[in-house]
C-alpha atoms as a PDB file:
ATOM      1  CA  UNK A   1       0.000   0.000   0.000  1.00  0.00           C
ATOM      2  CA  UNK A   2       1.424   3.363  -0.915  1.00  0.00           C
ATOM      3  CA  UNK A   3       2.249   5.990   1.670  1.00  0.00           C
ATOM      4  CA  UNK A   4      -0.057   8.514   0.040  1.00  0.00           C
ATOM      5  CA  UNK A   5      -2.992   6.132   0.315  1.00  0.00           C
ATOM      6  CA  UNK A   6      -2.119   5.353   3.937  1.00  0.00           C
ATOM      7  CA  UNK A   7      -1.891   9.063   4.700  1.00  0.00           C
ATOM      8  CA  UNK A   8      -5.324   9.601   3.165  1.00  0.00           C
ATOM      9  CA  UNK A   9      -6.905   6.638   4.968  1.00  0.00           C
ATOM     10  CA  UNK A  10      -5.491   7.694   8.340  1.00  0.00           C
ATOM     11  CA  UNK A  11      -5.188  11.465   7.848  1.00  0.00           C
ATOM     12  CA  UNK A  12      -8.720  12.389   6.791  1.00  0.00           C
ATOM     13  CA  UNK A  13     -10.530  10.651   9.701  1.00  0.00           C
ATOM     14  CA  UNK A  14      -7.896  11.921  12.124  1.00  0.00           C
ATOM     15  CA  UNK A  15      -8.322  15.479  10.835  1.00  0.00           C
ATOM     16  CA  UNK A  16     -12.112  15.196  11.239  1.00  0.00           C
ATOM     17  CA  UNK A  17     -11.699  13.778  14.735  1.00  0.00           C
ATOM     18  CA  UNK A  18      -9.331  16.533  15.848  1.00  0.00           C
ATOM     19  CA  UNK A  19     -11.536  19.145  14.156  1.00  0.00           C
ATOM     20  CA  UNK A  20     -14.657  17.972  16.008  1.00  0.00           C
ATOM     21  CA  UNK A  21     -12.696  17.987  19.270  1.00  0.00           C
ATOM     22  CA  UNK A  22     -11.520  21.551  18.615  1.00  0.00           C
ATOM     23  CA  UNK A  23     -15.048  22.687  17.737  1.00  0.00           C
ATOM     24  CA  UNK A  24     -16.430  21.145  20.950  1.00  0.00           C
ATOM     25  CA  UNK A  25     -13.715  22.869  23.004  1.00  0.00           C
ATOM     26  CA  UNK A  26     -14.256  26.253  21.332  1.00  0.00           C
ATOM     27  CA  UNK A  27     -18.042  26.121  21.387  1.00  0.00           C
ATOM     28  CA  UNK A  28     -18.291  24.850  24.974  1.00  0.00           C
ATOM     29  CA  UNK A  29     -16.400  27.900  26.179  1.00  0.00           C
ATOM     30  CA  UNK A  30     -18.549  30.181  24.062  1.00  0.00           C
ATOM     31  CA  UNK A  31     -21.971  28.879  25.170  1.00  0.00           C
ATOM     32  CA  UNK A  32     -21.091  28.303  28.812  1.00  0.00           C
ATOM     33  CA  UNK A  33     -20.769  24.531  29.112  1.00  0.00           C
ATOM     34  CA  UNK A  34     -18.062  24.467  31.737  1.00  0.00           C
ATOM     35  CA  UNK A  35     -15.345  23.259  31.731  1.00  0.00           C
ATOM     36  CA  UNK A  36     -14.590  23.187  28.001  1.00  0.00           C
ATOM     37  CA  UNK A  37     -11.658  20.807  28.575  1.00  0.00           C
ATOM     38  CA  UNK A  38     -14.131  18.181  29.812  1.00  0.00           C
ATOM     39  CA  UNK A  39     -16.147  18.392  26.608  1.00  0.00           C
ATOM     40  CA  UNK A  40     -13.005  18.262  24.499  1.00  0.00           C
ATOM     41  CA  UNK A  41     -11.886  15.151  26.399  1.00  0.00           C
ATOM     42  CA  UNK A  42     -15.276  13.463  25.953  1.00  0.00           C
ATOM     43  CA  UNK A  43     -15.245  14.276  22.246  1.00  0.00           C
ATOM     44  CA  UNK A  44     -11.650  13.081  21.906  1.00  0.00           C
ATOM     45  CA  UNK A  45     -12.101   9.814  23.838  1.00  0.00           C
ATOM     46  CA  UNK A  46     -15.418   8.859  22.212  1.00  0.00           C
ATOM     47  CA  UNK A  47     -14.753   9.900  18.612  1.00  0.00           C
ATOM     48  CA  UNK A  48     -18.116  10.449  16.883  1.00  0.00           C
ATOM     49  CA  UNK A  49     -20.431   9.596  19.778  1.00  0.00           C
ATOM     50  CA  UNK A  50     -18.709  12.100  22.067  1.00  0.00           C
ATOM     51  CA  UNK A  51     -19.455  14.935  19.677  1.00  0.00           C
ATOM     52  CA  UNK A  52     -23.124  13.956  19.529  1.00  0.00           C
ATOM     53  CA  UNK A  53     -23.225  13.774  23.335  1.00  0.00           C
ATOM     54  CA  UNK A  54     -21.862  17.315  23.351  1.00  0.00           C
ATOM     55  CA  UNK A  55     -24.488  18.480  20.829  1.00  0.00           C
ATOM     56  CA  UNK A  56     -27.344  16.952  22.842  1.00  0.00           C
ATOM     57  CA  UNK A  57     -26.068  18.498  26.052  1.00  0.00           C
ATOM     58  CA  UNK A  58     -25.675  21.855  24.303  1.00  0.00           C
ATOM     59  CA  UNK A  59     -29.263  21.743  23.040  1.00  0.00           C
ATOM     60  CA  UNK A  60     -30.497  21.547  26.628  1.00  0.00           C
ATOM     61  CA  UNK A  61     -29.126  25.052  27.222  1.00  0.00           C
ATOM     62  CA  UNK A  62     -31.618  26.589  24.815  1.00  0.00           C
ATOM     63  CA  UNK A  63     -34.716  25.175  26.570  1.00  0.00           C
ATOM     64  CA  UNK A  64     -37.411  27.832  26.888  1.00  0.00           C
ATOM     65  CA  UNK A  65     -40.326  26.805  29.120  1.00  0.00           C
ATOM     66  CA  UNK A  66     -42.551  29.456  27.534  1.00  0.00           C
ATOM     67  CA  UNK A  67     -42.450  27.634  24.189  1.00  0.00           C
ATOM     68  CA  UNK A  68     -42.765  24.132  25.671  1.00  0.00           C
ATOM     69  CA  UNK A  69     -46.080  22.628  24.499  1.00  0.00           C
ATOM     70  CA  UNK A  70     -46.085  20.189  27.444  1.00  0.00           C
ATOM     71  CA  UNK A  71     -45.594  22.832  30.145  1.00  0.00           C
ATOM     72  CA  UNK A  72     -48.191  22.601  32.908  1.00  0.00           C
ATOM     73  CA  UNK A  73     -48.962  18.953  32.073  1.00  0.00           C
ATOM     74  CA  UNK A  74     -51.084  19.984  29.098  1.00  0.00           C
ATOM     75  CA  UNK A  75     -51.135  17.524  26.262  1.00  0.00           C
ATOM     76  CA  UNK A  76     -53.303  16.816  23.280  1.00  0.00           C
ATOM     77  CA  UNK A  77     -55.617  13.830  23.379  1.00  0.00           C
ATOM     78  CA  UNK A  78     -56.897  12.206  20.234  1.00  0.00           C
ATOM     79  CA  UNK A  79     -60.698  12.666  19.958  1.00  0.00           C
ATOM     80  CA  UNK A  80     -61.234   8.895  19.909  1.00  0.00           C
ATOM     81  CA  UNK A  81     -59.594   8.675  23.361  1.00  0.00           C
ATOM     82  CA  UNK A  82     -61.188  11.767  24.912  1.00  0.00           C
ATOM     83  CA  UNK A  83     -63.720   9.842  27.018  1.00  0.00           C
ATOM     84  CA  UNK A  84     -61.174   7.378  28.486  1.00  0.00           C
ATOM     85  CA  UNK A  85     -60.696   7.456  32.243  1.00  0.00           C
ATOM     86  CA  UNK A  86     -57.387   9.093  33.157  1.00  0.00           C
ATOM     87  CA  UNK A  87     -54.991   7.222  35.393  1.00  0.00           C
ATOM     88  CA  UNK A  88     -54.162   8.969  38.664  1.00  0.00           C
ATOM     89  CA  UNK A  89     -50.609  10.156  39.129  1.00  0.00           C
ATOM     90  CA  UNK A  90     -48.553  11.077  42.147  1.00  0.00           C
ATOM     91  CA  UNK A  91     -49.830  14.273  43.710  1.00  0.00           C
ATOM     92  CA  UNK A  92     -53.098  14.046  41.783  1.00  0.00           C
ATOM     93  CA  UNK A  93     -55.950  15.392  43.903  1.00  0.00           C
ATOM     94  CA  UNK A  94     -58.714  14.469  41.456  1.00  0.00           C
ATOM     95  CA  UNK A  95     -61.214  11.880  42.528  1.00  0.00           C
ATOM     96  CA  UNK A  96     -60.808   8.370  41.218  1.00  0.00           C
ATOM     97  CA  UNK A  97     -63.544   7.029  38.903  1.00  0.00           C
ATOM     98  CA  UNK A  98     -64.891   4.860  41.748  1.00  0.00           C
ATOM     99  CA  UNK A  99     -65.299   7.898  44.034  1.00  0.00           C
ATOM    100  CA  UNK A 100     -67.131   9.751  41.260  1.00  0.00           C
ATOM    101  CA  UNK A 101     -69.696   6.961  41.005  1.00  0.00           C
ATOM    102  CA  UNK A 102     -70.324   6.933  44.769  1.00  0.00           C
ATOM    103  CA  UNK A 103     -71.067  10.674  44.859  1.00  0.00           C
ATOM    104  CA  UNK A 104     -73.557  10.608  41.995  1.00  0.00           C
END
């Protein structure tokens, strides 16, 4: 195998790997994910997966509760399921379906 081909096979992935590590280090310091060295180490030690871990963690910084459609436990129910009995959850002060029947 020629040295040029070996350099291409090893050099291009290595350049991408080091580039993604540098981007994670630079961007972590810019957006406030502290410490940036930690994110560079994660990206360096877990080549592609580490960069995606960084991206997912970075996306959590931009969470805005005002635009969250599920804020306040509101969710859309399909019309065919609208008359189903809801299951009680922790801290739920609504009456159970059995207590509703006893009152009426």
